[in-house]
Amino acid sequence: MEPQVNKILSRLGKAKTELKSEKVELGLVDDLDKNSAQVNDSLKQIEPLLKEMANTKKLISKTDKEYSSLIKDRDKAKSAFEKAQNEAKKLEMNFDGLRASTNRKLEDLRDYQSGLKTEEKQFNKLKGQADKTLSRIKKNLEKAKKAEKDLGIKIPALSKYQKSADLLDKLMRNA
């Protein structure tokens, strides 16, 4: 009987070991089930985050392209601005030169106008004298012509004086 007891005890030990291993297996399965549930929960949280990250990457790419385009536009605008500034400086220098030339010409014009006034005064004075002289010449010519007629002689210089009087008269009318 002892062998049978040993057999039973041996079987009981094996059964106990099997029960322990099944218990361990059941514990592992429970742990795996818990882990699987945690993984599923994590996946549920990760999936929207991955979608959000993909959208953010698209926004980053789009914004980077827009940024690059704006940088190019800014650089073009800066270049155009600098070119316009340089052109404005050239125009300003040209304007300053023209203003100085204009001022000098205005001074010249005023000097000429002042000189013309002085010349006109002198001319008017001389014209007055010439008018008086012409009047005397005409009177003297009339007297000489009358004397020629009265005396019946020809004064050779009379035609020369008449031409001078006519020339002076024409000059005074055109002035």
Protein backbone atom coordinates (compact mmCIF):
# COMPACT_ATOMS: atom_id res chain seq x y z
CA MET A 1 0.00 0.00 0.00
CA GLU A 2 2.71 2.21 0.42
CA PRO A 3 3.53 2.19 -3.22
CA GLN A 4 0.08 3.26 -3.95
CA VAL A 5 0.20 6.05 -1.47
CA ASN A 6 3.45 7.13 -2.99
CA LYS A 7 1.83 6.98 -6.35
CA ILE A 8 -1.11 9.02 -5.17
CA LEU A 9 1.16 11.48 -3.44
CA SER A 10 3.29 11.68 -6.51
CA ARG A 11 0.18 12.29 -8.57
CA LEU A 12 -1.04 14.81 -6.10
CA GLY A 13 2.29 16.63 -6.31
CA LYS A 14 2.07 16.62 -10.05
CA ALA A 15 -1.52 17.81 -9.91
CA LYS A 16 -0.53 20.50 -7.44
CA THR A 17 2.28 21.54 -9.76
CA GLU A 18 -0.12 21.54 -12.68
CA LEU A 19 -2.58 23.61 -10.71
CA LYS A 20 0.13 26.06 -9.79
CA SER A 21 1.27 26.29 -13.42
CA GLU A 22 -2.33 26.72 -14.57
CA LYS A 23 -2.78 29.37 -11.91
CA VAL A 24 0.41 31.06 -13.16
CA GLU A 25 -0.87 30.71 -16.72
CA LEU A 26 -4.24 32.16 -15.73
CA GLY A 27 -2.45 35.01 -13.94
CA LEU A 28 -0.34 35.65 -17.02
CA VAL A 29 -3.42 35.54 -19.24
CA ASP A 30 -5.14 38.01 -16.90
CA ASP A 31 -2.03 40.24 -17.03
CA LEU A 32 -1.96 39.96 -20.81
CA ASP A 33 -5.66 40.79 -20.97
CA LYS A 34 -5.01 43.85 -18.79
CA ASN A 35 -2.01 44.79 -20.97
CA SER A 36 -4.08 44.30 -24.11
CA ALA A 37 -6.78 46.57 -22.68
CA GLN A 38 -4.15 49.15 -21.82
CA VAL A 39 -2.71 48.86 -25.34
CA ASN A 40 -6.21 49.34 -26.80
CA ASP A 41 -6.75 52.39 -24.57
CA SER A 42 -3.36 53.77 -25.60
CA LEU A 43 -4.17 53.14 -29.28
CA LYS A 44 -7.46 54.97 -28.86
CA GLN A 45 -5.53 57.94 -27.48
CA ILE A 46 -2.63 57.65 -29.95
CA GLU A 47 -4.73 57.47 -33.16
CA PRO A 48 -6.23 60.99 -32.84
CA LEU A 49 -2.85 62.32 -31.75
CA LEU A 50 -1.23 60.77 -34.85
CA LYS A 51 -3.94 62.41 -37.03
CA GLU A 52 -3.35 65.73 -35.28
CA MET A 53 0.41 65.36 -35.76
CA ALA A 54 -0.11 64.63 -39.49
CA ASN A 55 -2.30 67.74 -39.79
CA THR A 56 0.28 69.78 -37.91
CA LYS A 57 3.02 68.51 -40.25
CA LYS A 58 0.87 69.57 -43.24
CA LEU A 59 0.38 72.99 -41.65
CA ILE A 60 4.11 73.26 -41.01
CA SER A 61 4.86 72.38 -44.64
CA LYS A 62 2.23 74.84 -45.94
CA THR A 63 3.40 77.60 -43.57
CA ASP A 64 7.04 76.96 -44.52
CA LYS A 65 6.17 77.35 -48.22
CA GLU A 66 4.21 80.52 -47.48
CA TYR A 67 7.09 81.80 -45.36
CA SER A 68 9.59 81.10 -48.16
CA SER A 69 7.31 82.87 -50.64
CA LEU A 70 6.96 85.85 -48.31
CA ILE A 71 10.74 85.99 -47.85
CA LYS A 72 11.16 86.07 -51.65
CA ASP A 73 8.47 88.77 -51.95
CA ARG A 74 10.07 90.75 -49.12
CA ASP A 75 13.50 90.50 -50.77
CA LYS A 76 12.04 91.62 -54.10
CA ALA A 77 10.26 94.52 -52.39
CA LYS A 78 13.46 95.45 -50.56
CA SER A 79 15.40 95.36 -53.81
CA ALA A 80 12.75 97.48 -55.56
CA PHE A 81 12.72 99.88 -52.59
CA GLU A 82 16.51 100.22 -52.65
CA LYS A 83 16.40 100.75 -56.42
CA ALA A 84 13.70 103.41 -55.95
CA GLN A 85 15.78 105.03 -53.20
CA ASN A 86 18.81 105.16 -55.49
CA GLU A 87 16.66 106.58 -58.29
CA ALA A 88 15.18 109.10 -55.84
CA LYS A 89 18.71 110.12 -54.79
CA LYS A 90 19.68 110.59 -58.44
CA LEU A 91 16.52 112.59 -59.07
CA GLU A 92 17.15 114.66 -55.95
CA MET A 93 20.70 115.39 -57.07
CA ASN A 94 19.41 116.28 -60.53
CA PHE A 95 16.70 118.43 -58.97
CA ASP A 96 19.24 120.18 -56.74
CA GLY A 97 21.45 120.83 -59.76
CA LEU A 98 18.51 122.12 -61.77
CA ARG A 99 17.37 124.28 -58.87
CA ALA A 100 20.86 125.81 -58.60
CA SER A 101 20.94 126.37 -62.38
CA THR A 102 17.45 127.85 -62.27
CA ASN A 103 18.45 130.19 -59.46
CA ARG A 104 21.52 131.29 -61.39
CA LYS A 105 19.42 131.87 -64.51
CA LEU A 106 16.88 133.80 -62.46
CA GLU A 107 19.70 135.99 -61.14
CA ASP A 108 20.96 136.42 -64.71
CA LEU A 109 17.44 137.28 -65.85
CA ARG A 110 17.06 139.88 -63.11
CA ASP A 111 20.49 141.31 -63.94
CA TYR A 112 19.53 141.49 -67.63
CA GLN A 113 16.17 143.07 -66.76
CA SER A 114 17.92 145.64 -64.59
CA GLY A 115 20.43 146.27 -67.35
CA LEU A 116 17.58 146.58 -69.85
CA LYS A 117 15.88 149.17 -67.67
CA THR A 118 19.12 151.15 -67.53
CA GLU A 119 19.55 150.77 -71.29
CA GLU A 120 15.92 151.79 -71.88
CA LYS A 121 16.44 154.93 -69.77
CA GLN A 122 19.57 155.73 -71.77
CA PHE A 123 17.74 154.94 -75.01
CA ASN A 124 14.76 157.09 -74.06
CA LYS A 125 17.14 159.94 -73.19
CA LEU A 126 18.96 159.49 -76.49
CA LYS A 127 15.66 159.12 -78.33
CA GLY A 128 14.50 162.38 -76.86
CA GLN A 129 17.73 164.01 -78.01
CA ALA A 130 17.39 162.31 -81.41
CA ASP A 131 13.79 163.49 -81.73
CA LYS A 132 14.90 167.03 -81.01
CA THR A 133 17.81 166.69 -83.44
CA LEU A 134 15.53 165.18 -86.09
CA SER A 135 13.05 167.98 -85.58
CA ARG A 136 15.86 170.55 -86.02
CA ILE A 137 17.19 168.68 -89.06
CA LYS A 138 13.71 168.65 -90.63
CA LYS A 139 13.27 172.39 -89.92
CA ASN A 140 16.72 173.12 -91.34
CA LEU A 141 16.02 170.93 -94.37
CA GLU A 142 12.76 172.76 -94.93
CA LYS A 143 14.62 176.07 -94.66
CA ALA A 144 17.31 174.78 -97.04
CA LYS A 145 14.71 173.58 -99.56
CA LYS A 146 12.94 176.94 -99.33
CA ALA A 147 16.27 178.71 -99.85
CA GLU A 148 17.00 176.49 -102.87
CA LYS A 149 13.65 177.39 -104.31
CA ASP A 150 13.88 181.07 -103.48
CA LEU A 151 17.46 181.38 -104.75
CA GLY A 152 17.04 178.96 -107.64
CA ILE A 153 20.13 176.99 -106.67
CA LYS A 154 20.80 173.34 -105.94
CA ILE A 155 22.51 172.46 -102.60
CA PRO A 156 24.38 169.19 -103.30
CA ALA A 157 24.59 168.01 -99.61
CA LEU A 158 20.85 168.50 -99.11
CA SER A 159 19.92 165.01 -100.44
CA LYS A 160 22.58 163.42 -98.18
CA TYR A 161 21.09 165.18 -95.14
CA GLN A 162 17.59 164.17 -96.24
CA LYS A 163 18.68 160.48 -96.38
CA SER A 164 20.20 160.78 -92.88
CA ALA A 165 16.99 162.37 -91.57
CA ASP A 166 14.85 159.62 -93.19
CA LEU A 167 17.10 156.90 -91.75
CA LEU A 168 16.99 158.43 -88.27
CA ASP A 169 13.20 158.85 -88.54
CA LYS A 170 12.76 155.19 -89.61
CA LEU A 171 15.04 154.03 -86.79
CA MET A 172 13.04 156.01 -84.20
CA ARG A 173 9.70 154.63 -85.45
CA ASN A 174 10.91 151.02 -85.27
CA ALA A 175 12.43 151.38 -81.79
